[in-house]
């Protein structure tokens, strides 16, 4: 099971700094002739729940990878809590797209969740009581304690997504990135995910969620950022969830009296 873990934070967070600061970020893959991101600037504060919205190929996953240091940034700067992102990766955790994880790897649910603690204790050190407590709490929060000794490959899609979020909770990061966590999961799991995100942002942590589901924006997020290689709209969901924004992002056409938040 190939998952990404950030390195240790070499510098302390700056007091009062934003959870995330992007300044004029552009990116181009070596295999492409055009930028996949163009001039993206944004600030995310502690306690925000930000929906990252846009069509396939808009650059959402690329943006999350750049924040994590999984891709080498072409142009611009990315800071996490006032420091260059590469110096503070232990404060960032991700729930990757479920389709990118090799679920055939022979590992139990408990072992996957314990991986979230490795950034604190290192790969070759034995877990301490505090690590076991964090794992137990994460399993309880995601209501998968009874699945702890099961192989992850035996689980349903919704259960697997709960495992990945539990791993991220065990990490106890201050900036959480979720890449399309709502895809192919049941309603109960969706509601559990939203309840969990609301609880942790109330504690001052920041959350960015990549999603295609426009219907959840006004209910579960404090901010919506529409992206299609560049930022199209950014603000409270009710402010930016308009026919004009959706048409520009997705190429849809609506009647002039259509209001997405009333559907």
Protein backbone atom coordinates (compact mmCIF):
# COMPACT_ATOMS: atom_id res chain seq x y z
CA UNK A 1 0.00 0.00 0.00
CA UNK A 2 1.84 3.09 -1.24
CA UNK A 3 0.99 6.18 0.77
CA UNK A 4 2.75 9.52 1.20
CA UNK A 5 4.11 10.74 4.50
CA UNK A 6 5.71 14.13 5.00
CA UNK A 7 9.06 14.67 6.64
CA UNK A 8 9.66 16.25 9.99
CA UNK A 9 8.99 19.95 10.49
CA UNK A 10 12.36 21.69 10.62
CA UNK A 11 10.98 25.08 11.61
CA UNK A 12 8.23 26.05 14.08
CA UNK A 13 5.03 27.57 12.78
CA UNK A 14 4.91 31.35 12.74
CA UNK A 15 2.49 32.71 15.30
CA UNK A 16 -0.75 33.84 13.68
CA UNK A 17 0.25 32.51 10.24
CA UNK A 18 -2.24 31.14 7.75
CA UNK A 19 -2.58 27.37 7.57
CA UNK A 20 -1.80 27.60 3.86
CA UNK A 21 -0.56 30.39 1.62
CA UNK A 22 -0.12 30.04 -2.14
CA UNK A 23 1.42 32.90 -4.09
CA UNK A 24 1.18 32.91 -7.89
CA UNK A 25 1.55 29.13 -8.17
CA UNK A 26 1.86 27.74 -11.69
CA UNK A 27 2.80 24.23 -12.66
CA UNK A 28 3.60 22.26 -15.79
CA UNK A 29 4.45 18.57 -16.04
CA UNK A 30 7.51 17.64 -18.07
CA UNK A 31 5.32 15.59 -20.43
CA UNK A 32 2.96 18.51 -21.22
CA UNK A 33 3.34 21.72 -23.18
CA UNK A 34 0.78 23.74 -21.18
CA UNK A 35 0.45 24.71 -17.53
CA UNK A 36 -1.95 22.57 -15.52
CA UNK A 37 -2.15 25.41 -12.97
CA UNK A 38 -1.83 29.11 -13.74
CA UNK A 39 -1.23 31.91 -11.27
CA UNK A 40 -3.05 30.38 -8.30
CA UNK A 41 -2.96 32.54 -5.16
CA UNK A 42 -4.98 31.80 -2.05
CA UNK A 43 -4.93 31.86 1.73
CA UNK A 44 -6.56 29.27 3.98
CA UNK A 45 -6.95 30.10 7.66
CA UNK A 46 -7.14 27.67 10.59
CA UNK A 47 -10.72 26.49 11.11
CA UNK A 48 -11.81 26.77 7.48
CA UNK A 49 -13.53 23.95 5.56
CA UNK A 50 -12.75 24.65 1.92
CA UNK A 51 -14.37 22.79 -0.97
CA UNK A 52 -12.05 22.60 -3.98
CA UNK A 53 -14.38 22.29 -6.97
CA UNK A 54 -13.76 21.82 -10.66
CA UNK A 55 -14.01 19.40 -13.59
CA UNK A 56 -11.65 16.50 -14.23
CA UNK A 57 -8.31 17.88 -15.40
CA UNK A 58 -8.85 21.19 -13.59
CA UNK A 59 -5.69 20.73 -11.53
CA UNK A 60 -7.28 19.86 -8.17
CA UNK A 61 -5.19 16.75 -7.48
CA UNK A 62 -2.08 18.48 -8.80
CA UNK A 63 -2.61 21.33 -6.37
CA UNK A 64 -2.90 18.93 -3.43
CA UNK A 65 0.26 17.09 -4.53
CA UNK A 66 2.18 20.36 -4.72
CA UNK A 67 1.13 21.27 -1.18
CA UNK A 68 2.41 17.88 -0.01
CA UNK A 69 5.66 18.16 -1.92
CA UNK A 70 4.80 15.15 -4.08
CA UNK A 71 5.47 17.28 -7.18
CA UNK A 72 8.29 19.78 -7.67
CA UNK A 73 6.77 23.24 -7.92
CA UNK A 74 7.43 24.99 -11.23
CA UNK A 75 6.72 28.61 -10.23
CA UNK A 76 5.45 30.47 -7.20
CA UNK A 77 5.61 29.71 -3.47
CA UNK A 78 3.65 27.54 -1.04
CA UNK A 79 3.82 28.16 2.71
CA UNK A 80 2.32 26.07 5.51
CA UNK A 81 1.85 27.92 8.81
CA UNK A 82 4.21 30.63 7.66
CA UNK A 83 7.05 28.35 6.56
CA UNK A 84 7.96 26.84 3.18
CA UNK A 85 5.72 23.79 2.78
CA UNK A 86 8.65 21.40 2.42
CA UNK A 87 9.83 22.36 5.93
CA UNK A 88 6.50 21.70 7.63
CA UNK A 89 5.06 18.62 5.98
CA UNK A 90 4.45 16.77 9.23
CA UNK A 91 1.60 19.23 9.87
CA UNK A 92 -0.12 18.18 6.63
CA UNK A 93 -1.98 14.93 5.96
CA UNK A 94 -3.95 13.63 2.98
CA UNK A 95 -6.77 11.21 2.31
CA UNK A 96 -5.89 10.16 -1.27
CA UNK A 97 -8.37 9.08 -3.90
CA UNK A 98 -9.38 5.53 -3.08
CA UNK A 99 -8.61 4.43 -6.64
CA UNK A 100 -4.93 5.33 -6.17
CA UNK A 101 -4.40 2.91 -3.26
CA UNK A 102 -3.42 -0.73 -3.82
CA UNK A 103 -5.97 -2.45 -1.60
CA UNK A 104 -4.49 -5.89 -2.34
CA UNK A 105 -1.57 -5.21 0.00
CA UNK A 106 -1.81 -7.67 2.94
CA UNK A 107 -2.30 -5.29 5.85
CA UNK A 108 -4.93 -4.88 8.55
CA UNK A 109 -7.10 -1.89 9.27
CA UNK A 110 -5.27 -1.22 12.53
CA UNK A 111 -1.89 -1.29 10.76
CA UNK A 112 -3.06 1.20 8.14
CA UNK A 113 -4.31 3.59 10.81
CA UNK A 114 -1.04 3.22 12.77
CA UNK A 115 0.77 4.47 9.64
CA UNK A 116 -0.64 7.87 10.52
CA UNK A 117 1.61 7.87 13.60
CA UNK A 118 4.85 7.11 11.74
CA UNK A 119 5.45 10.78 11.03
CA UNK A 120 5.71 11.30 14.79
CA UNK A 121 7.62 8.18 15.85
CA UNK A 122 9.60 7.23 12.72
CA UNK A 123 9.46 4.07 10.62
CA UNK A 124 11.63 1.84 12.80
CA UNK A 125 10.53 2.76 16.32
CA UNK A 126 7.95 0.88 18.35
CA UNK A 127 4.64 2.66 18.95
CA UNK A 128 4.19 4.12 22.40
CA UNK A 129 1.00 4.06 24.51
CA UNK A 130 0.09 7.51 23.13
CA UNK A 131 0.26 6.13 19.59
CA UNK A 132 -2.03 3.22 20.41
CA UNK A 133 -4.44 5.64 22.09
CA UNK A 134 -4.48 7.88 19.01
CA UNK A 135 -5.16 4.89 16.76
CA UNK A 136 -7.93 3.63 19.03
CA UNK A 137 -9.57 7.04 19.12
CA UNK A 138 -9.41 7.33 15.32
CA UNK A 139 -10.96 3.88 14.88
CA UNK A 140 -13.75 4.82 17.29
CA UNK A 141 -14.39 8.15 15.58
CA UNK A 142 -14.83 6.47 12.20
CA UNK A 143 -16.87 3.63 13.74
CA UNK A 144 -14.56 0.88 12.49
CA UNK A 145 -13.15 -0.52 15.74
CA UNK A 146 -14.78 -3.88 15.07
CA UNK A 147 -12.97 -4.01 11.71
CA UNK A 148 -9.52 -3.33 13.20
CA UNK A 149 -8.12 -6.81 12.56
CA UNK A 150 -9.64 -7.25 9.10
CA UNK A 151 -7.59 -7.05 5.91
CA UNK A 152 -8.30 -3.71 4.21
CA UNK A 153 -8.81 -5.45 0.88
CA UNK A 154 -11.84 -7.28 2.30
CA UNK A 155 -13.72 -4.10 3.09
CA UNK A 156 -16.35 -2.22 1.12
CA UNK A 157 -15.51 1.06 -0.56
CA UNK A 158 -17.16 3.08 2.19
CA UNK A 159 -15.31 1.15 4.89
CA UNK A 160 -12.00 1.63 3.11
CA UNK A 161 -12.60 5.36 2.95
CA UNK A 162 -13.29 5.39 6.68
CA UNK A 163 -9.96 3.63 7.23
CA UNK A 164 -8.10 6.28 5.24
CA UNK A 165 -9.73 9.09 7.18
CA UNK A 166 -8.95 7.29 10.46
CA UNK A 167 -5.29 7.11 9.38
CA UNK A 168 -5.33 10.85 8.79
CA UNK A 169 -6.99 11.51 12.15
CA UNK A 170 -4.29 9.45 13.87
CA UNK A 171 -1.72 11.67 12.16
CA UNK A 172 -3.27 14.64 14.01
CA UNK A 173 -2.24 17.09 11.31
CA UNK A 174 -3.28 20.75 11.40
CA UNK A 175 -3.96 20.92 7.64
CA UNK A 176 -5.95 18.06 6.15
CA UNK A 177 -6.33 17.45 2.42
CA UNK A 178 -9.01 15.08 1.12
CA UNK A 179 -8.97 14.16 -2.57
CA UNK A 180 -12.53 13.30 -3.65
CA UNK A 181 -13.40 11.39 -0.45
CA UNK A 182 -17.11 11.21 -1.33
CA UNK A 183 -16.74 9.13 -4.49
CA UNK A 184 -18.50 5.76 -4.37
CA UNK A 185 -19.28 5.83 -0.65
CA UNK A 186 -22.64 5.32 1.04
CA UNK A 187 -24.70 8.13 2.56
CA UNK A 188 -23.91 7.03 6.12
CA UNK A 189 -20.18 7.27 5.44
CA UNK A 190 -20.59 10.66 3.76
CA UNK A 191 -22.40 12.05 6.79
CA UNK A 192 -19.79 10.60 9.14
CA UNK A 193 -17.04 12.24 7.08
CA UNK A 194 -18.78 15.62 7.18
CA UNK A 195 -19.48 15.36 10.92
CA UNK A 196 -15.82 14.55 11.54
CA UNK A 197 -14.58 17.44 9.41
CA UNK A 198 -16.90 19.86 11.18
CA UNK A 199 -15.61 18.67 14.55
CA UNK A 200 -11.91 19.01 13.70
CA UNK A 201 -12.27 22.43 12.09
CA UNK A 202 -14.06 23.57 15.24
CA UNK A 203 -10.78 22.66 16.97
CA UNK A 204 -8.90 25.09 14.69
CA UNK A 205 -7.62 22.68 12.06
CA UNK A 206 -7.96 23.56 8.38
CA UNK A 207 -9.52 21.22 5.81
CA UNK A 208 -9.47 21.28 2.00
CA UNK A 209 -11.74 18.79 0.21
CA UNK A 210 -11.66 18.14 -3.51
CA UNK A 211 -15.20 17.31 -4.67
CA UNK A 212 -17.54 17.27 -7.65
CA UNK A 213 -20.68 17.29 -5.49
CA UNK A 214 -22.13 20.80 -5.73
CA UNK A 215 -25.08 19.85 -3.55
CA UNK A 216 -23.01 19.62 -0.37
CA UNK A 217 -21.27 22.99 -0.63
CA UNK A 218 -23.74 25.23 1.16
CA UNK A 219 -24.47 22.67 3.88
CA UNK A 220 -21.02 21.37 4.83
CA UNK A 221 -18.42 23.98 3.80
CA UNK A 222 -17.52 27.46 4.92
CA UNK A 223 -15.88 28.30 1.60
CA UNK A 224 -15.92 27.11 -2.00
CA UNK A 225 -13.05 27.55 -4.43
CA UNK A 226 -13.80 26.84 -8.08
CA UNK A 227 -10.72 25.86 -10.04
CA UNK A 228 -10.09 25.21 -13.71
CA UNK A 229 -6.31 25.59 -13.98
CA UNK A 230 -6.86 29.05 -12.49
CA UNK A 231 -9.18 30.26 -9.75
CA UNK A 232 -12.58 31.04 -11.23
CA UNK A 233 -14.40 31.94 -8.02
CA UNK A 234 -13.57 31.93 -4.31
CA UNK A 235 -15.84 32.80 -1.42
CA UNK A 236 -18.73 31.56 0.69
CA UNK A 237 -20.68 28.79 -1.09
CA UNK A 238 -23.84 30.87 -1.46
CA UNK A 239 -21.86 33.74 -2.96
CA UNK A 240 -19.93 31.74 -5.54
CA UNK A 241 -22.33 28.88 -6.35
CA UNK A 242 -24.01 30.65 -9.24
CA UNK A 243 -25.03 29.61 -12.74
CA UNK A 244 -22.30 31.85 -14.13
CA UNK A 245 -19.58 30.23 -12.03
CA UNK A 246 -20.74 26.70 -12.85
CA UNK A 247 -21.00 27.52 -16.55
CA UNK A 248 -17.44 28.86 -16.60
CA UNK A 249 -16.05 25.92 -14.63
CA UNK A 250 -17.97 23.06 -16.24
CA UNK A 251 -19.39 24.45 -19.47
CA UNK A 252 -22.96 23.89 -18.28
CA UNK A 253 -25.87 26.09 -19.30
CA UNK A 254 -28.75 26.99 -16.96
CA UNK A 255 -31.97 28.91 -17.22
CA UNK A 256 -31.56 32.42 -15.85
CA UNK A 257 -33.87 31.74 -12.86
CA UNK A 258 -31.96 28.61 -11.75
CA UNK A 259 -30.34 28.75 -8.31
CA UNK A 260 -28.15 25.71 -7.42
CA UNK A 261 -28.61 26.04 -3.66
CA UNK A 262 -32.41 25.69 -4.01
CA UNK A 263 -32.26 22.38 -5.91
